[in-house]
N, C-alpha and C. Protein backbone atom coordinates (compact mmCIF):
# COMPACT_ATOMS: atom_id res chain seq x y z
N UNK A 1 0.83 -1.21 0.00
CA UNK A 1 0.00 0.00 0.00
C UNK A 1 0.86 1.27 0.00
N UNK A 2 1.95 1.24 0.80
CA UNK A 2 2.83 2.40 0.85
C UNK A 2 3.48 2.66 -0.50
N UNK A 3 3.86 1.57 -1.21
CA UNK A 3 4.48 1.75 -2.52
C UNK A 3 3.50 2.36 -3.51
N UNK A 4 2.25 1.91 -3.46
CA UNK A 4 1.23 2.44 -4.37
C UNK A 4 0.97 3.90 -4.08
N UNK A 5 0.89 4.26 -2.80
CA UNK A 5 0.65 5.65 -2.41
C UNK A 5 1.79 6.55 -2.85
N UNK A 6 3.01 6.08 -2.67
CA UNK A 6 4.18 6.86 -3.08
C UNK A 6 4.21 7.07 -4.59
N UNK A 7 3.88 6.04 -5.35
CA UNK A 7 3.86 6.14 -6.81
C UNK A 7 2.80 7.13 -7.25
N UNK A 8 1.65 7.08 -6.61
CA UNK A 8 0.57 8.01 -6.95
C UNK A 8 0.99 9.45 -6.67
N UNK A 9 1.69 9.66 -5.55
CA UNK A 9 2.15 11.00 -5.19
C UNK A 9 3.12 11.55 -6.22
N UNK A 10 4.05 10.72 -6.67
CA UNK A 10 5.03 11.14 -7.68
C UNK A 10 4.34 11.51 -8.98
N UNK A 11 3.39 10.69 -9.41
CA UNK A 11 2.67 10.95 -10.66
C UNK A 11 1.87 12.23 -10.57
N UNK A 12 1.19 12.42 -9.41
CA UNK A 12 0.39 13.63 -9.23
C UNK A 12 1.23 14.88 -9.27
N UNK A 13 2.40 14.85 -8.63
CA UNK A 13 3.31 16.00 -8.64
C UNK A 13 3.78 16.30 -10.05
N UNK A 14 4.09 15.27 -10.82
CA UNK A 14 4.58 15.44 -12.19
C UNK A 14 3.56 16.13 -13.06
N UNK A 15 2.26 15.78 -12.88
CA UNK A 15 1.22 16.37 -13.70
C UNK A 15 0.79 17.74 -13.17
N UNK A 16 0.91 17.95 -11.88
CA UNK A 16 0.47 19.22 -11.30
C UNK A 16 1.48 20.33 -11.51
N UNK A 17 2.78 20.01 -11.64
CA UNK A 17 3.83 21.01 -11.78
C UNK A 17 4.39 20.99 -13.19
N UNK A 18 4.07 22.01 -14.02
CA UNK A 18 4.56 22.01 -15.40
C UNK A 18 6.07 22.00 -15.48
N UNK A 19 6.73 22.90 -14.72
CA UNK A 19 8.18 22.89 -14.58
C UNK A 19 8.94 22.91 -15.88
N UNK A 20 10.17 22.44 -15.77
CA UNK A 20 11.11 22.50 -16.88
C UNK A 20 10.70 21.57 -18.01
N UNK A 21 10.20 20.37 -17.70
CA UNK A 21 9.86 19.42 -18.74
C UNK A 21 8.74 19.92 -19.62
N UNK A 22 7.76 20.60 -19.02
CA UNK A 22 6.67 21.14 -19.82
C UNK A 22 7.16 22.25 -20.73
N UNK A 23 8.08 23.06 -20.21
CA UNK A 23 8.63 24.15 -21.02
C UNK A 23 9.36 23.60 -22.24
N UNK A 24 10.13 22.54 -22.04
CA UNK A 24 10.88 21.98 -23.15
C UNK A 24 9.96 21.29 -24.13
N UNK A 25 8.88 20.70 -23.63
CA UNK A 25 7.94 20.05 -24.53
C UNK A 25 7.25 21.07 -25.42
N UNK A 26 6.88 22.21 -24.80
CA UNK A 26 6.20 23.25 -25.56
C UNK A 26 7.18 24.02 -26.45
N UNK A 27 8.45 24.04 -26.07
CA UNK A 27 9.44 24.80 -26.83
C UNK A 27 9.44 26.26 -26.43
N UNK A 28 10.41 26.98 -26.93
CA UNK A 28 10.49 28.42 -26.69
C UNK A 28 10.12 29.13 -27.98
N UNK A 29 8.83 29.29 -28.18
CA UNK A 29 8.30 29.87 -29.41
C UNK A 29 7.62 31.20 -29.12
N UNK A 30 7.79 32.14 -30.06
CA UNK A 30 7.13 33.45 -29.97
C UNK A 30 7.42 34.16 -28.66
N UNK A 31 8.66 34.10 -28.24
CA UNK A 31 9.05 34.77 -27.00
C UNK A 31 9.05 36.29 -27.19
N UNK A 32 8.73 37.03 -26.15
CA UNK A 32 8.99 38.46 -26.19
C UNK A 32 10.50 38.68 -26.06
N UNK A 33 10.97 39.82 -26.49
CA UNK A 33 12.38 40.16 -26.30
C UNK A 33 12.51 40.94 -25.00
N UNK A 34 13.28 40.39 -24.08
CA UNK A 34 13.40 40.98 -22.74
C UNK A 34 14.84 41.43 -22.52
N UNK A 35 14.99 42.68 -22.06
CA UNK A 35 16.31 43.23 -21.76
C UNK A 35 16.74 42.71 -20.39
N UNK A 36 17.78 41.87 -20.36
CA UNK A 36 18.18 41.24 -19.11
C UNK A 36 19.70 41.03 -19.08
N UNK A 37 20.48 42.11 -19.15
CA UNK A 37 21.94 41.94 -19.10
C UNK A 37 22.39 41.41 -17.74
N UNK A 38 23.41 40.59 -17.75
CA UNK A 38 23.94 40.03 -16.51
C UNK A 38 25.38 40.47 -16.26
N UNK A 39 25.90 41.34 -17.13
CA UNK A 39 27.28 41.83 -17.00
C UNK A 39 27.22 43.35 -16.83
N UNK A 40 27.92 43.87 -15.85
CA UNK A 40 27.93 45.31 -15.59
C UNK A 40 28.67 46.06 -16.69
N UNK A 41 28.20 47.28 -17.01
CA UNK A 41 28.86 48.09 -18.03
C UNK A 41 30.31 48.38 -17.65
N UNK A 42 30.58 48.45 -16.37
CA UNK A 42 31.93 48.77 -15.90
C UNK A 42 32.96 47.69 -16.22
N UNK A 43 32.48 46.51 -16.57
CA UNK A 43 33.41 45.42 -16.89
C UNK A 43 33.96 45.52 -18.30
N UNK A 44 33.35 46.37 -19.13
CA UNK A 44 33.84 46.54 -20.49
C UNK A 44 35.01 47.53 -20.49
N UNK A 45 35.85 47.44 -21.48
CA UNK A 45 37.02 48.30 -21.55
C UNK A 45 36.67 49.77 -21.70
N UNK A 46 37.61 50.62 -21.34
CA UNK A 46 37.41 52.07 -21.42
C UNK A 46 37.35 52.52 -22.89
N UNK A 47 36.54 53.54 -23.14
CA UNK A 47 36.39 54.13 -24.46
C UNK A 47 37.00 55.53 -24.44
N UNK A 48 37.68 55.90 -25.51
CA UNK A 48 38.30 57.22 -25.60
C UNK A 48 37.21 58.27 -25.82
N UNK A 49 36.73 58.86 -24.75
CA UNK A 49 35.62 59.81 -24.84
C UNK A 49 36.03 61.12 -25.49
N UNK A 50 37.32 61.42 -25.55
CA UNK A 50 37.78 62.66 -26.19
C UNK A 50 37.38 62.69 -27.66
N UNK A 51 37.36 61.53 -28.28
CA UNK A 51 36.99 61.47 -29.70
C UNK A 51 35.54 61.85 -29.92
N UNK A 52 34.72 61.72 -28.89
CA UNK A 52 33.28 61.94 -29.03
C UNK A 52 32.82 63.24 -28.37
N UNK A 53 33.77 64.07 -27.96
CA UNK A 53 33.42 65.33 -27.32
C UNK A 53 32.58 66.20 -28.26
N UNK A 54 31.44 66.67 -27.79
CA UNK A 54 30.50 67.51 -28.54
C UNK A 54 29.76 66.77 -29.66
N UNK A 55 29.96 65.48 -29.77
CA UNK A 55 29.23 64.71 -30.79
C UNK A 55 27.84 64.37 -30.27
N UNK A 56 26.85 64.54 -31.12
CA UNK A 56 25.47 64.20 -30.78
C UNK A 56 24.97 63.18 -31.79
N UNK A 57 24.55 62.03 -31.29
CA UNK A 57 24.15 60.93 -32.16
C UNK A 57 22.63 60.79 -32.22
N UNK A 58 22.15 60.60 -33.43
CA UNK A 58 20.75 60.20 -33.64
C UNK A 58 20.79 58.73 -34.09
N UNK A 59 20.08 57.88 -33.37
CA UNK A 59 20.00 56.47 -33.75
C UNK A 59 18.77 56.29 -34.63
N UNK A 60 19.00 56.06 -35.91
CA UNK A 60 17.90 55.90 -36.85
C UNK A 60 17.33 54.49 -36.77
N UNK A 61 16.10 54.29 -37.22
CA UNK A 61 15.49 52.95 -37.17
C UNK A 61 16.31 51.93 -37.96
N UNK A 62 16.66 50.84 -37.32
CA UNK A 62 17.44 49.79 -37.96
C UNK A 62 16.54 48.95 -38.88
N UNK A 63 17.19 48.26 -39.81
CA UNK A 63 16.50 47.29 -40.67
C UNK A 63 17.01 45.89 -40.35
N UNK A 64 16.35 44.90 -40.89
CA UNK A 64 16.72 43.51 -40.60
C UNK A 64 17.10 42.81 -41.90
N UNK A 65 18.37 42.39 -42.00
CA UNK A 65 18.86 41.73 -43.21
C UNK A 65 18.83 40.21 -43.09
N UNK A 66 18.33 39.67 -42.00
CA UNK A 66 18.29 38.22 -41.81
C UNK A 66 17.18 37.60 -42.63
N UNK A 67 17.38 36.39 -43.08
CA UNK A 67 16.37 35.72 -43.90
C UNK A 67 15.24 35.13 -43.06
N UNK A 68 15.52 34.84 -41.80
CA UNK A 68 14.51 34.29 -40.90
C UNK A 68 14.41 35.21 -39.67
N UNK A 69 13.67 36.29 -39.77
CA UNK A 69 13.68 37.31 -38.70
C UNK A 69 13.10 36.84 -37.37
N UNK A 70 12.32 35.79 -37.36
CA UNK A 70 11.74 35.31 -36.10
C UNK A 70 12.70 34.42 -35.32
N UNK A 71 13.69 33.85 -35.99
CA UNK A 71 14.60 32.89 -35.33
C UNK A 71 15.68 33.63 -34.54
N UNK A 72 15.75 33.33 -33.24
CA UNK A 72 16.75 33.99 -32.40
C UNK A 72 17.64 33.00 -31.66
N UNK A 73 17.43 31.71 -31.85
CA UNK A 73 18.28 30.76 -31.16
C UNK A 73 17.97 29.32 -31.54
N UNK A 74 18.86 28.44 -31.10
CA UNK A 74 18.66 27.02 -31.33
C UNK A 74 19.31 26.22 -30.20
N UNK A 75 18.61 25.21 -29.76
CA UNK A 75 19.15 24.27 -28.80
C UNK A 75 19.50 23.01 -29.56
N UNK A 76 20.77 22.65 -29.58
CA UNK A 76 21.19 21.46 -30.34
C UNK A 76 21.70 20.35 -29.43
N UNK A 77 21.23 20.37 -28.17
CA UNK A 77 21.59 19.29 -27.26
C UNK A 77 20.87 17.98 -27.59
N UNK A 78 19.69 18.11 -28.23
CA UNK A 78 18.86 16.94 -28.59
C UNK A 78 18.49 16.11 -27.36
N UNK A 79 18.36 16.78 -26.22
CA UNK A 79 18.05 16.06 -24.99
C UNK A 79 16.56 15.78 -24.84
N UNK A 80 15.73 16.60 -25.46
CA UNK A 80 14.31 16.53 -25.16
C UNK A 80 13.49 15.94 -26.32
N UNK A 81 13.85 16.27 -27.53
CA UNK A 81 13.04 15.81 -28.66
C UNK A 81 13.84 14.96 -29.64
N UNK A 82 15.15 14.82 -29.40
CA UNK A 82 15.98 14.07 -30.34
C UNK A 82 16.38 14.85 -31.56
N UNK A 83 16.06 16.14 -31.58
CA UNK A 83 16.42 16.97 -32.73
C UNK A 83 16.70 18.39 -32.25
N UNK A 84 17.32 19.20 -33.11
CA UNK A 84 17.57 20.60 -32.77
C UNK A 84 16.23 21.32 -32.59
N UNK A 85 16.20 22.24 -31.63
CA UNK A 85 14.96 22.96 -31.33
C UNK A 85 15.17 24.45 -31.51
N UNK A 86 14.41 25.07 -32.41
CA UNK A 86 14.53 26.50 -32.66
C UNK A 86 13.87 27.31 -31.55
N UNK A 87 14.43 28.48 -31.30
CA UNK A 87 13.85 29.46 -30.39
C UNK A 87 13.45 30.66 -31.25
N UNK A 88 12.22 31.12 -31.10
CA UNK A 88 11.72 32.20 -31.96
C UNK A 88 11.13 33.33 -31.12
N UNK A 89 11.01 34.50 -31.74
CA UNK A 89 10.40 35.65 -31.09
C UNK A 89 9.24 36.15 -31.93
N UNK A 90 8.29 36.81 -31.27
CA UNK A 90 7.18 37.43 -31.99
C UNK A 90 7.35 38.93 -32.08
N UNK A 91 8.54 39.42 -31.73
CA UNK A 91 8.81 40.86 -31.77
C UNK A 91 9.74 41.24 -32.91
N UNK A 92 9.76 42.53 -33.20
CA UNK A 92 10.61 43.08 -34.25
C UNK A 92 12.02 43.28 -33.70
N UNK A 93 12.94 42.44 -34.14
CA UNK A 93 14.31 42.49 -33.62
C UNK A 93 14.99 43.80 -33.97
N UNK A 94 14.81 44.29 -35.19
CA UNK A 94 15.46 45.54 -35.60
C UNK A 94 14.99 46.71 -34.74
N UNK A 95 13.69 46.77 -34.47
CA UNK A 95 13.15 47.85 -33.62
C UNK A 95 13.68 47.73 -32.19
N UNK A 96 13.77 46.50 -31.70
CA UNK A 96 14.28 46.26 -30.35
C UNK A 96 15.73 46.72 -30.25
N UNK A 97 16.55 46.37 -31.23
CA UNK A 97 17.95 46.77 -31.21
C UNK A 97 18.11 48.28 -31.37
N UNK A 98 17.26 48.90 -32.16
CA UNK A 98 17.30 50.36 -32.28
C UNK A 98 17.12 51.00 -30.91
N UNK A 99 16.13 50.53 -30.18
CA UNK A 99 15.86 51.06 -28.85
C UNK A 99 17.02 50.80 -27.89
N UNK A 100 17.57 49.61 -27.94
CA UNK A 100 18.65 49.28 -27.01
C UNK A 100 19.94 50.04 -27.33
N UNK A 101 20.25 50.23 -28.60
CA UNK A 101 21.43 51.02 -28.96
C UNK A 101 21.27 52.46 -28.44
N UNK A 102 20.07 53.02 -28.57
CA UNK A 102 19.85 54.40 -28.12
C UNK A 102 19.99 54.52 -26.60
N UNK A 103 19.79 53.41 -25.87
CA UNK A 103 19.92 53.44 -24.42
C UNK A 103 21.30 53.02 -23.94
N UNK A 104 21.99 52.18 -24.72
CA UNK A 104 23.33 51.73 -24.32
C UNK A 104 24.39 52.78 -24.66
N UNK A 105 24.21 53.52 -25.76
CA UNK A 105 25.17 54.58 -26.11
C UNK A 105 25.45 55.50 -24.91
N UNK A 106 24.42 56.04 -24.25
CA UNK A 106 24.70 56.92 -23.11
C UNK A 106 25.40 56.22 -21.95
N UNK A 107 25.21 54.92 -21.81
CA UNK A 107 25.90 54.19 -20.75
C UNK A 107 27.41 54.21 -20.94
N UNK A 108 27.84 54.42 -22.18
CA UNK A 108 29.27 54.52 -22.48
C UNK A 108 29.70 55.97 -22.69
N UNK A 109 28.87 56.91 -22.25
CA UNK A 109 29.26 58.33 -22.27
C UNK A 109 28.88 59.09 -23.52
N UNK A 110 28.07 58.50 -24.40
CA UNK A 110 27.69 59.19 -25.63
C UNK A 110 26.45 60.05 -25.43
N UNK A 111 26.36 61.10 -26.22
CA UNK A 111 25.19 61.99 -26.18
C UNK A 111 24.24 61.58 -27.31
N UNK A 112 23.07 61.09 -26.95
CA UNK A 112 22.08 60.66 -27.93
C UNK A 112 20.90 61.63 -27.91
N UNK A 113 20.52 62.09 -29.10
CA UNK A 113 19.39 63.01 -29.24
C UNK A 113 18.41 62.42 -30.25
N UNK A 114 17.21 62.94 -30.26
CA UNK A 114 16.20 62.44 -31.19
C UNK A 114 16.14 63.24 -32.48
N UNK A 115 16.74 64.43 -32.49
CA UNK A 115 16.78 65.25 -33.70
C UNK A 115 17.93 66.24 -33.59
N UNK A 116 18.25 66.87 -34.73
CA UNK A 116 19.31 67.89 -34.77
C UNK A 116 20.65 67.38 -34.26
N UNK A 117 20.95 66.12 -34.56
CA UNK A 117 22.23 65.58 -34.17
C UNK A 117 23.33 65.95 -35.14
N UNK A 118 24.56 65.69 -34.76
CA UNK A 118 25.69 65.91 -35.66
C UNK A 118 26.04 64.64 -36.45
N UNK A 119 25.64 63.49 -35.91
CA UNK A 119 25.91 62.22 -36.57
C UNK A 119 24.67 61.33 -36.49
N UNK A 120 24.51 60.51 -37.54
CA UNK A 120 23.35 59.64 -37.63
C UNK A 120 23.84 58.20 -37.79
N UNK A 121 23.35 57.33 -36.92
CA UNK A 121 23.76 55.93 -36.92
C UNK A 121 22.61 55.08 -37.45
N UNK A 122 22.86 54.39 -38.53
CA UNK A 122 21.89 53.47 -39.12
C UNK A 122 22.53 52.09 -39.15
N UNK A 123 21.71 51.05 -39.12
CA UNK A 123 22.28 49.70 -39.11
C UNK A 123 21.30 48.69 -39.66
N UNK A 124 21.85 47.62 -40.20
CA UNK A 124 21.07 46.46 -40.64
C UNK A 124 21.50 45.27 -39.79
N UNK A 125 20.53 44.58 -39.24
CA UNK A 125 20.83 43.42 -38.39
C UNK A 125 21.28 42.26 -39.28
N UNK A 126 22.47 41.78 -39.03
CA UNK A 126 23.03 40.65 -39.79
C UNK A 126 22.86 39.34 -39.02
N UNK A 127 23.04 39.42 -37.70
CA UNK A 127 22.88 38.22 -36.87
C UNK A 127 22.38 38.62 -35.49
N UNK A 128 21.47 37.83 -34.98
CA UNK A 128 20.92 38.01 -33.64
C UNK A 128 20.49 36.64 -33.18
N UNK A 129 21.45 35.89 -32.60
CA UNK A 129 21.21 34.45 -32.45
C UNK A 129 22.02 33.87 -31.30
N UNK A 130 21.41 32.89 -30.65
CA UNK A 130 22.07 32.14 -29.59
C UNK A 130 22.10 30.66 -29.99
N UNK A 131 23.28 30.07 -29.92
CA UNK A 131 23.43 28.63 -30.13
C UNK A 131 23.70 27.99 -28.77
N UNK A 132 22.78 27.13 -28.37
CA UNK A 132 22.91 26.49 -27.07
C UNK A 132 23.32 25.03 -27.23
N UNK A 133 24.42 24.69 -26.61
CA UNK A 133 24.84 23.29 -26.50
C UNK A 133 25.13 23.08 -25.02
N UNK A 134 26.39 23.00 -24.65
CA UNK A 134 26.73 22.96 -23.22
C UNK A 134 26.65 24.35 -22.61
N UNK A 135 26.79 25.39 -23.47
CA UNK A 135 26.73 26.78 -23.04
C UNK A 135 25.83 27.56 -23.99
N UNK A 136 25.49 28.77 -23.59
CA UNK A 136 24.74 29.69 -24.44
C UNK A 136 25.74 30.60 -25.13
N UNK A 137 25.87 30.48 -26.45
CA UNK A 137 26.80 31.31 -27.22
C UNK A 137 26.01 32.26 -28.11
N UNK A 138 26.06 33.55 -27.78
CA UNK A 138 25.28 34.55 -28.49
C UNK A 138 26.15 35.36 -29.43
N UNK A 139 25.56 35.76 -30.56
CA UNK A 139 26.24 36.60 -31.55
C UNK A 139 25.26 37.64 -32.05
N UNK A 140 25.58 38.91 -31.83
CA UNK A 140 24.78 40.03 -32.35
C UNK A 140 25.69 40.83 -33.28
N UNK A 141 25.35 40.84 -34.57
CA UNK A 141 26.19 41.51 -35.57
C UNK A 141 25.33 42.45 -36.41
N UNK A 142 25.88 43.61 -36.69
CA UNK A 142 25.16 44.61 -37.49
C UNK A 142 26.10 45.29 -38.47
N UNK A 143 25.57 45.61 -39.63
CA UNK A 143 26.29 46.43 -40.60
C UNK A 143 25.86 47.87 -40.34
N UNK A 144 26.83 48.72 -39.97
CA UNK A 144 26.52 50.06 -39.49
C UNK A 144 26.97 51.11 -40.50
N UNK A 145 26.14 52.14 -40.64
CA UNK A 145 26.49 53.29 -41.48
C UNK A 145 26.41 54.55 -40.64
N UNK A 146 27.48 55.34 -40.67
CA UNK A 146 27.53 56.62 -39.97
C UNK A 146 27.45 57.74 -41.01
N UNK A 147 26.47 58.61 -40.86
CA UNK A 147 26.31 59.71 -41.82
C UNK A 147 26.32 61.05 -41.12
N UNK A 148 26.61 62.10 -41.91
CA UNK A 148 26.59 63.47 -41.41
C UNK A 148 25.21 64.08 -41.63
N UNK A 149 25.05 65.33 -41.19
CA UNK A 149 23.76 66.01 -41.35
C UNK A 149 23.32 66.10 -42.80
N UNK A 150 24.29 66.28 -43.68
CA UNK A 150 23.97 66.43 -45.10
C UNK A 150 23.76 65.09 -45.81
N UNK A 151 23.83 64.00 -45.07
CA UNK A 151 23.61 62.68 -45.65
C UNK A 151 24.86 62.00 -46.16
N UNK A 152 26.00 62.68 -46.09
CA UNK A 152 27.25 62.08 -46.56
C UNK A 152 27.64 60.91 -45.67
N UNK A 153 28.04 59.83 -46.31
CA UNK A 153 28.47 58.65 -45.56
C UNK A 153 29.89 58.87 -45.06
N UNK A 154 30.07 58.80 -43.75
CA UNK A 154 31.37 59.03 -43.14
C UNK A 154 32.10 57.74 -42.83
N UNK A 155 31.33 56.68 -42.59
CA UNK A 155 31.94 55.39 -42.24
C UNK A 155 30.92 54.28 -42.42
N UNK A 156 31.40 53.15 -42.92
CA UNK A 156 30.59 51.95 -43.00
C UNK A 156 31.41 50.77 -42.51
N UNK A 157 30.79 49.91 -41.75
CA UNK A 157 31.51 48.75 -41.24
C UNK A 157 30.58 47.85 -40.44
N UNK A 158 31.15 46.82 -39.89
CA UNK A 158 30.38 45.84 -39.12
C UNK A 158 30.83 45.84 -37.68
N UNK A 159 29.88 45.76 -36.79
CA UNK A 159 30.19 45.58 -35.38
C UNK A 159 29.54 44.30 -34.89
N UNK A 160 30.26 43.57 -34.07
CA UNK A 160 29.75 42.30 -33.56
C UNK A 160 29.99 42.21 -32.05
N UNK A 161 29.04 41.58 -31.40
CA UNK A 161 29.18 41.30 -29.98
C UNK A 161 28.92 39.83 -29.73
N UNK A 162 29.82 39.19 -29.05
CA UNK A 162 29.64 37.77 -28.74
C UNK A 162 29.77 37.58 -27.24
N UNK A 163 29.10 36.56 -26.75
CA UNK A 163 29.17 36.26 -25.33
C UNK A 163 28.89 34.79 -25.10
N UNK A 164 29.48 34.26 -24.05
CA UNK A 164 29.24 32.88 -23.64
C UNK A 164 28.64 32.90 -22.25
N UNK A 165 27.54 32.22 -22.12
CA UNK A 165 26.77 32.25 -20.87
C UNK A 165 26.47 30.83 -20.43
N UNK A 166 26.64 30.57 -19.16
CA UNK A 166 26.35 29.26 -18.60
C UNK A 166 25.08 29.34 -17.76
N UNK A 167 24.18 28.39 -17.97
CA UNK A 167 22.94 28.40 -17.20
C UNK A 167 22.13 27.15 -17.45
N UNK A 168 21.01 27.06 -16.78
CA UNK A 168 20.13 25.92 -16.90
C UNK A 168 19.69 25.74 -18.34
N UNK A 169 19.60 24.51 -18.78
CA UNK A 169 19.32 24.21 -20.17
C UNK A 169 17.93 24.67 -20.60
N UNK A 170 17.91 25.29 -21.79
CA UNK A 170 16.67 25.61 -22.51
C UNK A 170 15.70 26.43 -21.68
N UNK A 171 16.19 27.54 -21.14
CA UNK A 171 15.33 28.45 -20.40
C UNK A 171 15.38 29.83 -21.05
N UNK A 172 14.23 30.50 -21.07
CA UNK A 172 14.12 31.79 -21.75
C UNK A 172 15.05 32.83 -21.15
N UNK A 173 15.15 32.86 -19.82
CA UNK A 173 15.98 33.88 -19.17
C UNK A 173 17.43 33.82 -19.64
N UNK A 174 17.94 32.63 -19.88
CA UNK A 174 19.33 32.51 -20.33
C UNK A 174 19.51 33.00 -21.76
N UNK A 175 18.50 32.83 -22.59
CA UNK A 175 18.55 33.41 -23.95
C UNK A 175 18.51 34.94 -23.85
N UNK A 176 17.65 35.46 -22.96
CA UNK A 176 17.56 36.91 -22.79
C UNK A 176 18.91 37.49 -22.34
N UNK A 177 19.52 36.86 -21.35
CA UNK A 177 20.79 37.35 -20.82
C UNK A 177 21.88 37.31 -21.88
N UNK A 178 21.96 36.21 -22.62
CA UNK A 178 23.00 36.08 -23.64
C UNK A 178 22.85 37.14 -24.73
N UNK A 179 21.63 37.36 -25.20
CA UNK A 179 21.40 38.35 -26.27
C UNK A 179 21.60 39.77 -25.76
N UNK A 180 21.22 40.04 -24.53
CA UNK A 180 21.42 41.38 -23.96
C UNK A 180 22.90 41.68 -23.80
N UNK A 181 23.65 40.73 -23.27
CA UNK A 181 25.09 40.93 -23.10
C UNK A 181 25.79 41.11 -24.44
N UNK A 182 25.39 40.33 -25.43
CA UNK A 182 26.01 40.44 -26.75
C UNK A 182 25.68 41.78 -27.41
N UNK A 183 24.49 42.30 -27.14
CA UNK A 183 24.11 43.61 -27.68
C UNK A 183 24.99 44.70 -27.09
N UNK A 184 25.21 44.66 -25.78
CA UNK A 184 26.11 45.63 -25.14
C UNK A 184 27.51 45.51 -25.73
N UNK A 185 27.96 44.30 -25.94
CA UNK A 185 29.30 44.08 -26.51
C UNK A 185 29.40 44.65 -27.92
N UNK A 186 28.31 44.54 -28.70
CA UNK A 186 28.32 45.09 -30.06
C UNK A 186 28.42 46.61 -30.05
N UNK A 187 27.70 47.25 -29.12
CA UNK A 187 27.79 48.71 -29.00
C UNK A 187 29.19 49.12 -28.56
N UNK A 188 29.73 48.43 -27.58
CA UNK A 188 31.09 48.73 -27.12
C UNK A 188 32.10 48.56 -28.24
N UNK A 189 31.94 47.50 -29.03
CA UNK A 189 32.84 47.27 -30.15
C UNK A 189 32.78 48.37 -31.18
N UNK A 190 31.58 48.88 -31.43
CA UNK A 190 31.42 49.98 -32.39
C UNK A 190 32.12 51.24 -31.88
N UNK A 191 31.85 51.62 -30.65
CA UNK A 191 32.40 52.86 -30.10
C UNK A 191 33.90 52.77 -29.86
N UNK A 192 34.44 51.54 -29.81
CA UNK A 192 35.88 51.34 -29.63
C UNK A 192 36.61 51.18 -30.96
N UNK A 193 35.86 51.13 -32.05
CA UNK A 193 36.46 50.93 -33.36
C UNK A 193 37.26 52.17 -33.77
N UNK A 194 38.53 52.01 -34.06
CA UNK A 194 39.40 53.14 -34.38
C UNK A 194 38.90 53.93 -35.58
N UNK A 195 38.46 53.25 -36.63
CA UNK A 195 38.01 53.95 -37.83
C UNK A 195 36.72 54.71 -37.58
N UNK A 196 35.83 54.13 -36.77
CA UNK A 196 34.60 54.82 -36.41
C UNK A 196 34.92 56.09 -35.62
N UNK A 197 35.83 55.97 -34.66
CA UNK A 197 36.23 57.12 -33.86
C UNK A 197 36.87 58.20 -34.71
N UNK A 198 37.71 57.80 -35.66
CA UNK A 198 38.37 58.77 -36.52
C UNK A 198 37.36 59.51 -37.38
N UNK A 199 36.35 58.79 -37.86
CA UNK A 199 35.31 59.43 -38.68
C UNK A 199 34.56 60.49 -37.89
N UNK A 200 34.31 60.20 -36.63
CA UNK A 200 33.64 61.18 -35.76
C UNK A 200 34.55 62.36 -35.47
N UNK A 201 35.79 62.05 -35.11
CA UNK A 201 36.74 63.11 -34.75
C UNK A 201 36.98 64.09 -35.90
N UNK A 202 37.09 63.58 -37.12
CA UNK A 202 37.40 64.42 -38.27
C UNK A 202 36.22 65.25 -38.76
N UNK A 203 35.01 64.88 -38.36
CA UNK A 203 33.83 65.53 -38.94
C UNK A 203 32.97 66.26 -37.92
N UNK A 204 33.52 66.49 -36.73
CA UNK A 204 32.76 67.24 -35.72
C UNK A 204 32.74 68.73 -36.08
């Protein structure tokens, strides 16, 4: 009788608590994009702020150059379904990155305005993706164009941010953290780029 009661209790708990197994069965589909950095801005290297003195940046709406704009990650552990499992979002990645760039720039000492700027930053999203195996490996890459008030192109190039994150398998929060950290890294990489800095310095 005790064995039967114990078995019943285990089964009831399994069905009553959705937990991790239910999440993996349902998959991570149509997730919202959540800003959840886990690394402090102070941990990134110093930026030469003298190059950006008196510069005012307008962050223009980004575009998305990816062929599958809803795909933001993949779990290739094959632990739950025997196959790779895609992670998707129901939000506009380009719009989300536009907003985050406009908020991360000031964290690194930049002056961001909504109009009448001296420089305009436009970008196309090339990659926004997390590959999960034993770790969460995120890559956020954008093709960036810096223009002057008159529309002249001052600089074109690519900035990328990568990060490796360790956490519980196939959980939304770990995808959020990895993508947020990689986004910060991409902004830091852009502002630390020597050619980008020179373009700003020469055209202020």
